[in-house]
Amino acid sequence: MVSAFLRGLRISLAKPHFAIALWLATAALAAPLALPISNFLHAELNRSSDAPALVAGPGFRWWQTQRRVHPELVGNLPEKAEQIVSPTGVAGFMDFDGAQGIGAGFLGLAMLGVAAHAFLLGGIFGSLRDERGSDLVIFAREGSRRLPAFLIVTIAAAAIAVAIYHGVWWAAGKALEEYSTDLPSERAAFLLRLARLALLLLLLTFVKLAADSIRVALVERPDLPPVTRYFVGVGSAIGRLRELFSLLALFALASAALFFLWTRLSVGRAATTTGGVLLLVVAQQVFLFLRGILKVGYYAGVREVFLARATVAPTPRPPDMPRPEEEPPSPDRIEA
C-alpha cells in the first residue's frame, strides 16, 4: 500500500504539530532519566583516562565494569530484557522485581508512556476526522475525549500480547526444552527456535494491526454502538490484512533507513567538546522529529486504508421505454 503510506506522509507533513506532539511527549518521558544518566556519565568519565574516546559512546566493556562497581544503577533490568528473547524467555513481570535506580525509573515511565500513547493517538485520529477550528484545540479536546477508550484498547492489546508471548514463546520453550537437546544438530534447534519466533512476530503484528483498526473504528464510526465498533475494527483488520501489513512494513523499512542514516552520519565523533555535545543533541532531536513524521504518516495511512471503499460499478441504466405514439386529434377537437 505505497499510495496509502504516501498519502499518510503528505498528511503528516501538512500537519507537523502531530509530530511535534509526539516529540514533546518523548522528550517529557525521557527528561526524568536524562539528568541522573548525565550526572553518572560525567562523574565516571571525568575519572577515566579514556574520557575523550568514551564521550560519544561508552564501550560495552566499560559499561560492564560500571555495572559491577555500581550494582544499584539499573539492577537486573538489562539481563531480564535480554532474557526476553532467550530460548525460554521470562515467566512474567515478577522477574523484573530486581530493577533498581535508573532501571526502575524506566519501567515506571513506561507505564506513563501507555497513557501518553493513548492520548496522542486519540488527538491524531480525532483531529484527522474533525478539521474545524484550531488544530491544537481539536487535538487537545479529542485526545482527552478518546483517552478512556484508547487506553482500554492499548491495555487489552498489551494483555493479549503478553498472553501470546507466554504461550508461544515461554510455555512452548519450556515444553520443547528437553526435545531441543535431543535434536541431531544445533542447526535444527535454531530452525525450531526461528519458527517459534516467526509465529510470535506474526501474531503480535496482527494484534497491533487490529488495535490500530479498532482505534480508527472508534473515531470514524460514531453511528455504531461502542461494542460494535470493536468488532468492526477487528473485521477491518482481517479484511484488509494485506494492505495494513504492507503499510506497517513500509513504516518499519523507513524507520530502519532513518536509523541507518543516523549511524552513518557519525555525529558522535564530534562530541568531544561542549559544542560537539550540543551538535549531537540537536541532531538526535531532529531524527526523533523525523521519526515522528513517519509514525504519524503510518497512522494516517491506516485511516486511509480503513476509509477506502471498494469501487462499486454503477448499475446499468435500463433502456428507455418507447413512447406511445400520439393519437391524431379527433375531428371534434379540430372543429373546436
Protein backbone atom coordinates (compact mmCIF):
# COMPACT_ATOMS: atom_id res chain seq x y z
CA MET A 1 0.00 0.00 0.00
CA VAL A 2 2.56 2.53 -1.16
CA SER A 3 -0.14 5.02 -2.15
CA ALA A 4 -1.76 4.93 1.32
CA PHE A 5 1.62 5.38 3.00
CA LEU A 6 2.49 8.31 0.74
CA ARG A 7 -0.91 9.92 1.38
CA GLY A 8 -0.31 9.47 5.09
CA LEU A 9 3.10 11.14 4.81
CA ARG A 10 1.56 14.08 2.94
CA ILE A 11 -1.00 14.49 5.71
CA SER A 12 1.77 14.24 8.31
CA LEU A 13 3.87 16.90 6.56
CA ALA A 14 0.83 19.14 6.19
CA LYS A 15 0.10 18.87 9.94
CA PRO A 16 3.53 18.95 11.62
CA HIS A 17 2.02 19.68 15.03
CA PHE A 18 1.20 15.96 15.30
CA ALA A 19 4.89 15.05 15.04
CA ILE A 20 5.77 17.91 17.39
CA ALA A 21 3.35 16.49 19.96
CA LEU A 22 4.97 13.06 19.66
CA TRP A 23 8.41 14.61 20.01
CA LEU A 24 7.41 16.63 23.08
CA ALA A 25 5.86 13.56 24.73
CA THR A 26 9.04 11.56 24.09
CA ALA A 27 11.18 14.36 25.47
CA ALA A 28 8.96 14.69 28.55
CA LEU A 29 9.20 10.97 29.29
CA ALA A 30 12.96 10.94 28.74
CA ALA A 31 13.66 14.07 30.82
CA PRO A 32 13.39 12.38 34.27
CA LEU A 33 16.09 9.90 33.22
CA ALA A 34 18.31 12.32 31.33
CA LEU A 35 19.62 14.16 34.40
CA PRO A 36 20.65 11.11 36.50
CA ILE A 37 22.21 9.39 33.48
CA SER A 38 24.08 12.56 32.52
CA ASN A 39 25.35 13.11 36.07
CA PHE A 40 26.52 9.49 36.32
CA LEU A 41 28.34 9.59 32.98
CA HIS A 42 30.06 12.89 33.75
CA ALA A 43 31.12 11.73 37.21
CA GLU A 44 32.58 8.47 35.92
CA LEU A 45 34.12 9.75 32.71
CA ASN A 46 35.88 12.59 34.50
CA ARG A 47 37.91 9.96 36.36
CA SER A 48 38.64 7.88 33.25
CA SER A 49 41.77 8.31 31.15
CA ASP A 50 39.79 7.26 28.06
CA ALA A 51 37.20 10.00 28.52
CA PRO A 52 37.71 11.68 25.08
CA ALA A 53 37.08 8.37 23.29
CA LEU A 54 34.13 7.42 25.51
CA VAL A 55 32.16 10.68 25.34
CA ALA A 56 30.48 9.80 22.04
CA GLY A 57 29.54 6.30 23.23
CA PRO A 58 30.89 4.38 26.22
CA GLY A 59 32.12 0.93 25.22
CA PHE A 60 30.46 -2.29 26.30
CA ARG A 61 33.46 -3.35 28.40
CA TRP A 62 33.42 -0.01 30.24
CA TRP A 63 29.69 -0.37 30.82
CA GLN A 64 30.11 -3.88 32.25
CA THR A 65 32.77 -2.58 34.63
CA GLN A 66 30.46 0.17 35.84
CA ARG A 67 27.66 -2.37 36.36
CA ARG A 68 29.88 -4.41 38.65
CA VAL A 69 31.04 -1.35 40.59
CA HIS A 70 27.52 0.16 40.83
CA PRO A 71 25.00 -2.73 41.03
CA GLU A 72 22.33 -0.30 42.22
CA LEU A 73 22.45 1.62 38.93
CA VAL A 74 19.85 -0.39 36.94
CA GLY A 75 19.52 -3.67 38.84
CA ASN A 76 18.67 -6.74 36.79
CA LEU A 77 16.81 -4.87 34.04
CA PRO A 78 19.41 -5.42 31.24
CA GLU A 79 19.69 -9.15 31.96
CA LYS A 80 15.93 -9.64 32.06
CA ALA A 81 15.43 -7.58 28.90
CA GLU A 82 17.99 -9.77 27.16
CA GLN A 83 16.34 -12.89 28.57
CA ILE A 84 13.03 -11.96 26.88
CA VAL A 85 14.39 -13.22 23.54
CA SER A 86 16.28 -16.14 25.08
CA PRO A 87 15.15 -19.70 24.15
CA THR A 88 12.96 -19.96 27.27
CA GLY A 89 12.03 -16.29 27.79
CA VAL A 90 10.76 -14.80 31.04
CA ALA A 91 7.88 -16.15 33.08
CA GLY A 92 6.21 -12.85 33.89
CA PHE A 93 6.56 -9.34 35.25
CA MET A 94 7.70 -10.67 38.62
CA ASP A 95 11.10 -11.34 37.06
CA PHE A 96 11.68 -7.58 36.86
CA ASP A 97 11.36 -7.03 40.62
CA GLY A 98 15.14 -6.68 40.83
CA ALA A 99 15.18 -3.47 38.79
CA GLN A 100 16.73 -0.57 40.73
CA GLY A 101 17.64 3.06 40.22
CA ILE A 102 17.50 4.12 36.61
CA GLY A 103 16.08 0.72 35.59
CA ALA A 104 13.12 1.04 37.97
CA GLY A 105 12.57 4.61 36.81
CA PHE A 106 12.49 3.40 33.21
CA LEU A 107 9.77 0.85 33.99
CA GLY A 108 7.70 3.48 35.81
CA LEU A 109 7.97 5.92 32.90
CA ALA A 110 6.96 3.13 30.50
CA MET A 111 3.66 2.87 32.34
CA LEU A 112 3.13 6.61 31.98
CA GLY A 113 4.01 6.22 28.31
CA VAL A 114 0.98 3.96 27.84
CA ALA A 115 -1.36 6.77 28.91
CA ALA A 116 0.55 9.33 26.82
CA HIS A 117 0.36 7.00 23.81
CA ALA A 118 -3.43 6.68 24.14
CA PHE A 119 -3.84 10.46 24.48
CA LEU A 120 -1.66 11.23 21.44
CA LEU A 121 -3.40 8.70 19.20
CA GLY A 122 -6.79 10.00 20.28
CA GLY A 123 -5.72 13.52 19.36
CA ILE A 124 -4.30 12.45 16.00
CA PHE A 125 -7.26 10.35 14.83
CA GLY A 126 -9.81 12.80 16.23
CA SER A 127 -8.13 15.78 14.55
CA LEU A 128 -7.95 13.98 11.22
CA ARG A 129 -11.71 13.49 11.33
CA ASP A 130 -12.68 16.92 12.70
CA GLU A 131 -10.82 19.68 10.87
CA ARG A 132 -12.92 22.57 12.11
CA GLY A 133 -11.43 25.19 14.39
CA SER A 134 -7.90 25.45 15.78
CA ASP A 135 -5.71 22.39 15.25
CA LEU A 136 -4.22 22.47 18.74
CA VAL A 137 -7.61 22.94 20.40
CA ILE A 138 -9.07 20.00 18.46
CA PHE A 139 -6.01 17.88 19.23
CA ALA A 140 -6.26 18.50 22.99
CA ARG A 141 -10.04 18.05 23.02
CA GLU A 142 -10.04 14.84 21.01
CA GLY A 143 -7.09 13.43 22.93
CA SER A 144 -8.88 13.91 26.23
CA ARG A 145 -12.19 12.70 24.84
CA ARG A 146 -10.75 9.49 23.35
CA LEU A 147 -8.35 8.74 26.21
CA PRO A 148 -10.52 6.20 28.14
CA ALA A 149 -11.48 4.17 25.07
CA PHE A 150 -7.98 4.25 23.56
CA LEU A 151 -6.47 3.35 26.92
CA ILE A 152 -8.71 0.28 27.07
CA VAL A 153 -7.57 -0.73 23.59
CA THR A 154 -3.89 -0.26 24.47
CA ILE A 155 -4.12 -2.23 27.73
CA ALA A 156 -6.18 -5.00 26.11
CA ALA A 157 -3.70 -5.28 23.22
CA ALA A 158 -0.79 -5.41 25.70
CA ALA A 159 -2.54 -8.13 27.71
CA ILE A 160 -3.18 -10.19 24.57
CA ALA A 161 0.44 -9.71 23.50
CA VAL A 162 1.68 -10.92 26.90
CA ALA A 163 -0.63 -13.95 26.69
CA ILE A 164 0.65 -14.77 23.20
CA TYR A 165 4.25 -14.41 24.36
CA HIS A 166 3.59 -16.64 27.37
CA GLY A 167 2.01 -19.37 25.25
CA VAL A 168 4.01 -19.25 22.03
CA TRP A 169 7.44 -18.46 23.48
CA TRP A 170 7.74 -19.20 27.21
CA ALA A 171 5.41 -22.19 27.62
CA ALA A 172 6.46 -23.68 24.27
CA GLY A 173 10.12 -23.12 25.15
CA LYS A 174 9.72 -24.98 28.43
CA ALA A 175 7.82 -27.81 26.74
CA LEU A 176 10.41 -28.14 23.94
CA GLU A 177 13.44 -27.67 26.16
CA GLU A 178 14.18 -31.39 26.52
CA TYR A 179 13.17 -32.10 22.92
CA SER A 180 15.60 -29.45 21.63
CA THR A 181 18.53 -31.08 23.41
CA ASP A 182 17.82 -34.37 21.59
CA LEU A 183 17.88 -32.84 18.11
CA PRO A 184 20.68 -34.13 15.87
CA SER A 185 22.31 -30.73 15.32
CA GLU A 186 22.34 -27.16 16.60
CA ARG A 187 21.03 -26.03 13.23
CA ALA A 188 17.81 -28.00 13.77
CA ALA A 189 17.38 -26.41 17.21
CA PHE A 190 17.99 -23.00 15.68
CA LEU A 191 15.37 -23.58 12.97
CA LEU A 192 12.86 -24.66 15.60
CA ARG A 193 13.52 -21.51 17.59
CA LEU A 194 13.28 -19.43 14.42
CA ALA A 195 9.86 -20.95 13.64
CA ARG A 196 8.61 -20.06 17.13
CA LEU A 197 9.94 -16.53 16.73
CA ALA A 198 8.27 -16.13 13.32
CA LEU A 199 4.93 -17.31 14.72
CA LEU A 200 5.29 -14.95 17.68
CA LEU A 201 6.05 -11.96 15.44
CA LEU A 202 3.14 -12.76 13.11
CA LEU A 203 0.64 -12.95 15.97
CA LEU A 204 1.96 -9.79 17.63
CA THR A 205 1.82 -7.97 14.28
CA PHE A 206 -1.83 -8.91 13.85
CA VAL A 207 -2.58 -7.70 17.40
CA LYS A 208 -1.04 -4.31 16.56
CA LEU A 209 -2.90 -4.01 13.25
CA ALA A 210 -6.18 -4.98 14.92
CA ALA A 211 -5.62 -2.43 17.71
CA ASP A 212 -4.90 0.33 15.17
CA SER A 213 -8.02 -0.58 13.17
CA ILE A 214 -10.15 -0.56 16.33
CA ARG A 215 -8.89 2.93 17.18
CA VAL A 216 -9.90 4.17 13.73
CA ALA A 217 -13.31 2.48 14.02
CA LEU A 218 -13.92 4.11 17.41
CA VAL A 219 -13.44 7.52 15.82
CA GLU A 220 -14.81 7.07 12.32
CA ARG A 221 -17.96 5.08 13.14
CA PRO A 222 -19.84 7.08 15.81
CA ASP A 223 -23.10 5.77 14.34
CA LEU A 224 -22.43 2.29 15.77
CA PRO A 225 -22.70 1.13 19.39
CA PRO A 226 -19.35 1.14 21.24
CA VAL A 227 -19.02 -2.65 21.40
CA THR A 228 -19.86 -3.00 17.72
CA ARG A 229 -17.03 -0.65 16.79
CA TYR A 230 -14.53 -3.06 18.32
CA PHE A 231 -15.83 -5.89 16.13
CA VAL A 232 -15.83 -3.59 13.09
CA GLY A 233 -12.19 -2.73 13.78
CA VAL A 234 -11.19 -6.39 14.07
CA GLY A 235 -13.15 -7.24 10.94
CA SER A 236 -11.49 -4.39 9.08
CA ALA A 237 -8.05 -5.67 10.13
CA ILE A 238 -8.92 -9.16 8.87
CA GLY A 239 -10.45 -7.91 5.62
CA ARG A 240 -7.59 -5.51 4.85
CA LEU A 241 -4.76 -7.55 6.37
CA ARG A 242 -2.57 -7.42 3.27
CA GLU A 243 -2.86 -3.65 2.90
CA LEU A 244 -2.27 -3.00 6.60
CA PHE A 245 0.68 -5.38 6.76
CA SER A 246 2.25 -3.69 3.72
CA LEU A 247 1.72 -0.32 5.36
CA LEU A 248 3.41 -1.48 8.57
CA ALA A 249 6.29 -2.99 6.59
CA LEU A 250 6.84 0.31 4.76
CA PHE A 251 6.85 2.18 8.06
CA ALA A 252 9.38 -0.29 9.52
CA LEU A 253 11.63 -0.04 6.47
CA ALA A 254 11.50 3.78 6.50
CA SER A 255 12.34 3.83 10.23
CA ALA A 256 15.22 1.39 9.67
CA ALA A 257 16.55 3.55 6.83
CA LEU A 258 16.38 6.60 9.08
CA PHE A 259 18.26 4.78 11.84
CA PHE A 260 20.88 3.57 9.33
CA LEU A 261 21.34 7.14 8.11
CA TRP A 262 21.83 8.27 11.70
CA THR A 263 24.53 5.65 12.30
CA ARG A 264 26.34 6.56 9.08
CA LEU A 265 26.49 10.27 9.79
CA SER A 266 28.88 9.65 12.73
CA VAL A 267 27.82 12.82 14.50
CA GLY A 268 29.01 11.32 17.78
CA ARG A 269 32.66 11.64 16.75
CA ALA A 270 32.39 15.39 17.10
CA ALA A 271 31.05 15.10 20.66
CA THR A 272 34.43 15.69 22.35
CA THR A 273 33.73 19.32 23.23
CA THR A 274 30.79 21.26 24.58
CA GLY A 275 29.86 22.40 21.10
CA GLY A 276 30.14 18.86 19.78
CA VAL A 277 27.84 17.55 22.51
CA LEU A 278 25.32 20.28 21.68
CA LEU A 279 25.51 19.31 17.99
CA LEU A 280 24.93 15.67 18.92
CA VAL A 281 21.84 16.52 20.99
CA VAL A 282 20.37 18.71 18.24
CA ALA A 283 20.97 16.02 15.61
CA GLN A 284 19.30 13.42 17.82
CA GLN A 285 16.23 15.61 18.27
CA VAL A 286 15.99 16.20 14.52
CA PHE A 287 15.97 12.46 13.87
CA LEU A 288 13.38 11.91 16.61
CA PHE A 289 11.18 14.52 14.94
CA LEU A 290 11.60 12.83 11.55
CA ARG A 291 10.62 9.53 13.08
CA GLY A 292 7.53 11.27 14.49
CA ILE A 293 6.68 12.36 10.94
CA LEU A 294 6.92 8.73 9.79
CA LYS A 295 4.83 7.49 12.71
CA VAL A 296 2.04 10.00 12.07
CA GLY A 297 2.20 9.09 8.39
CA TYR A 298 1.69 5.43 9.28
CA TYR A 299 -1.38 6.13 11.42
CA ALA A 300 -2.82 8.45 8.78
CA GLY A 301 -2.24 5.69 6.25
CA VAL A 302 -4.12 3.21 8.47
CA ARG A 303 -7.03 5.62 8.48
CA GLU A 304 -6.85 5.92 4.69
CA VAL A 305 -6.96 2.13 4.34
CA PHE A 306 -9.91 1.89 6.74
CA LEU A 307 -11.90 4.54 4.90
CA ALA A 308 -11.17 3.06 1.48
CA ARG A 309 -14.25 1.55 -0.09
CA ALA A 310 -14.41 -0.85 -2.95
CA THR A 311 -15.40 0.86 -6.15
CA VAL A 312 -18.88 -0.31 -6.99
CA ALA A 313 -19.69 -0.45 -10.67
CA PRO A 314 -22.66 1.76 -11.48
CA THR A 315 -25.89 -0.07 -12.09
CA PRO A 316 -26.63 -0.07 -15.82
CA ARG A 317 -29.48 2.21 -16.65
CA PRO A 318 -32.45 0.37 -18.16
CA PRO A 319 -33.12 1.28 -21.75
CA ASP A 320 -35.68 3.96 -22.30
CA MET A 321 -39.12 2.57 -22.98
CA PRO A 322 -40.54 3.58 -26.34
CA ARG A 323 -43.02 6.34 -26.00
CA PRO A 324 -46.55 5.50 -27.15
CA GLU A 325 -47.41 7.06 -30.41
CA GLU A 326 -49.58 10.13 -30.05
CA GLU A 327 -53.10 9.67 -31.27
CA PRO A 328 -54.19 12.01 -34.03
CA PRO A 329 -56.50 14.75 -32.84
CA SER A 330 -60.15 13.97 -33.13
CA PRO A 331 -62.35 15.95 -35.61
CA ASP A 332 -64.30 17.44 -32.70
CA ARG A 333 -61.06 18.89 -31.23
CA ILE A 334 -60.12 20.27 -34.64
CA GLU A 335 -63.53 21.96 -35.07
CA ALA A 336 -63.23 23.46 -31.60
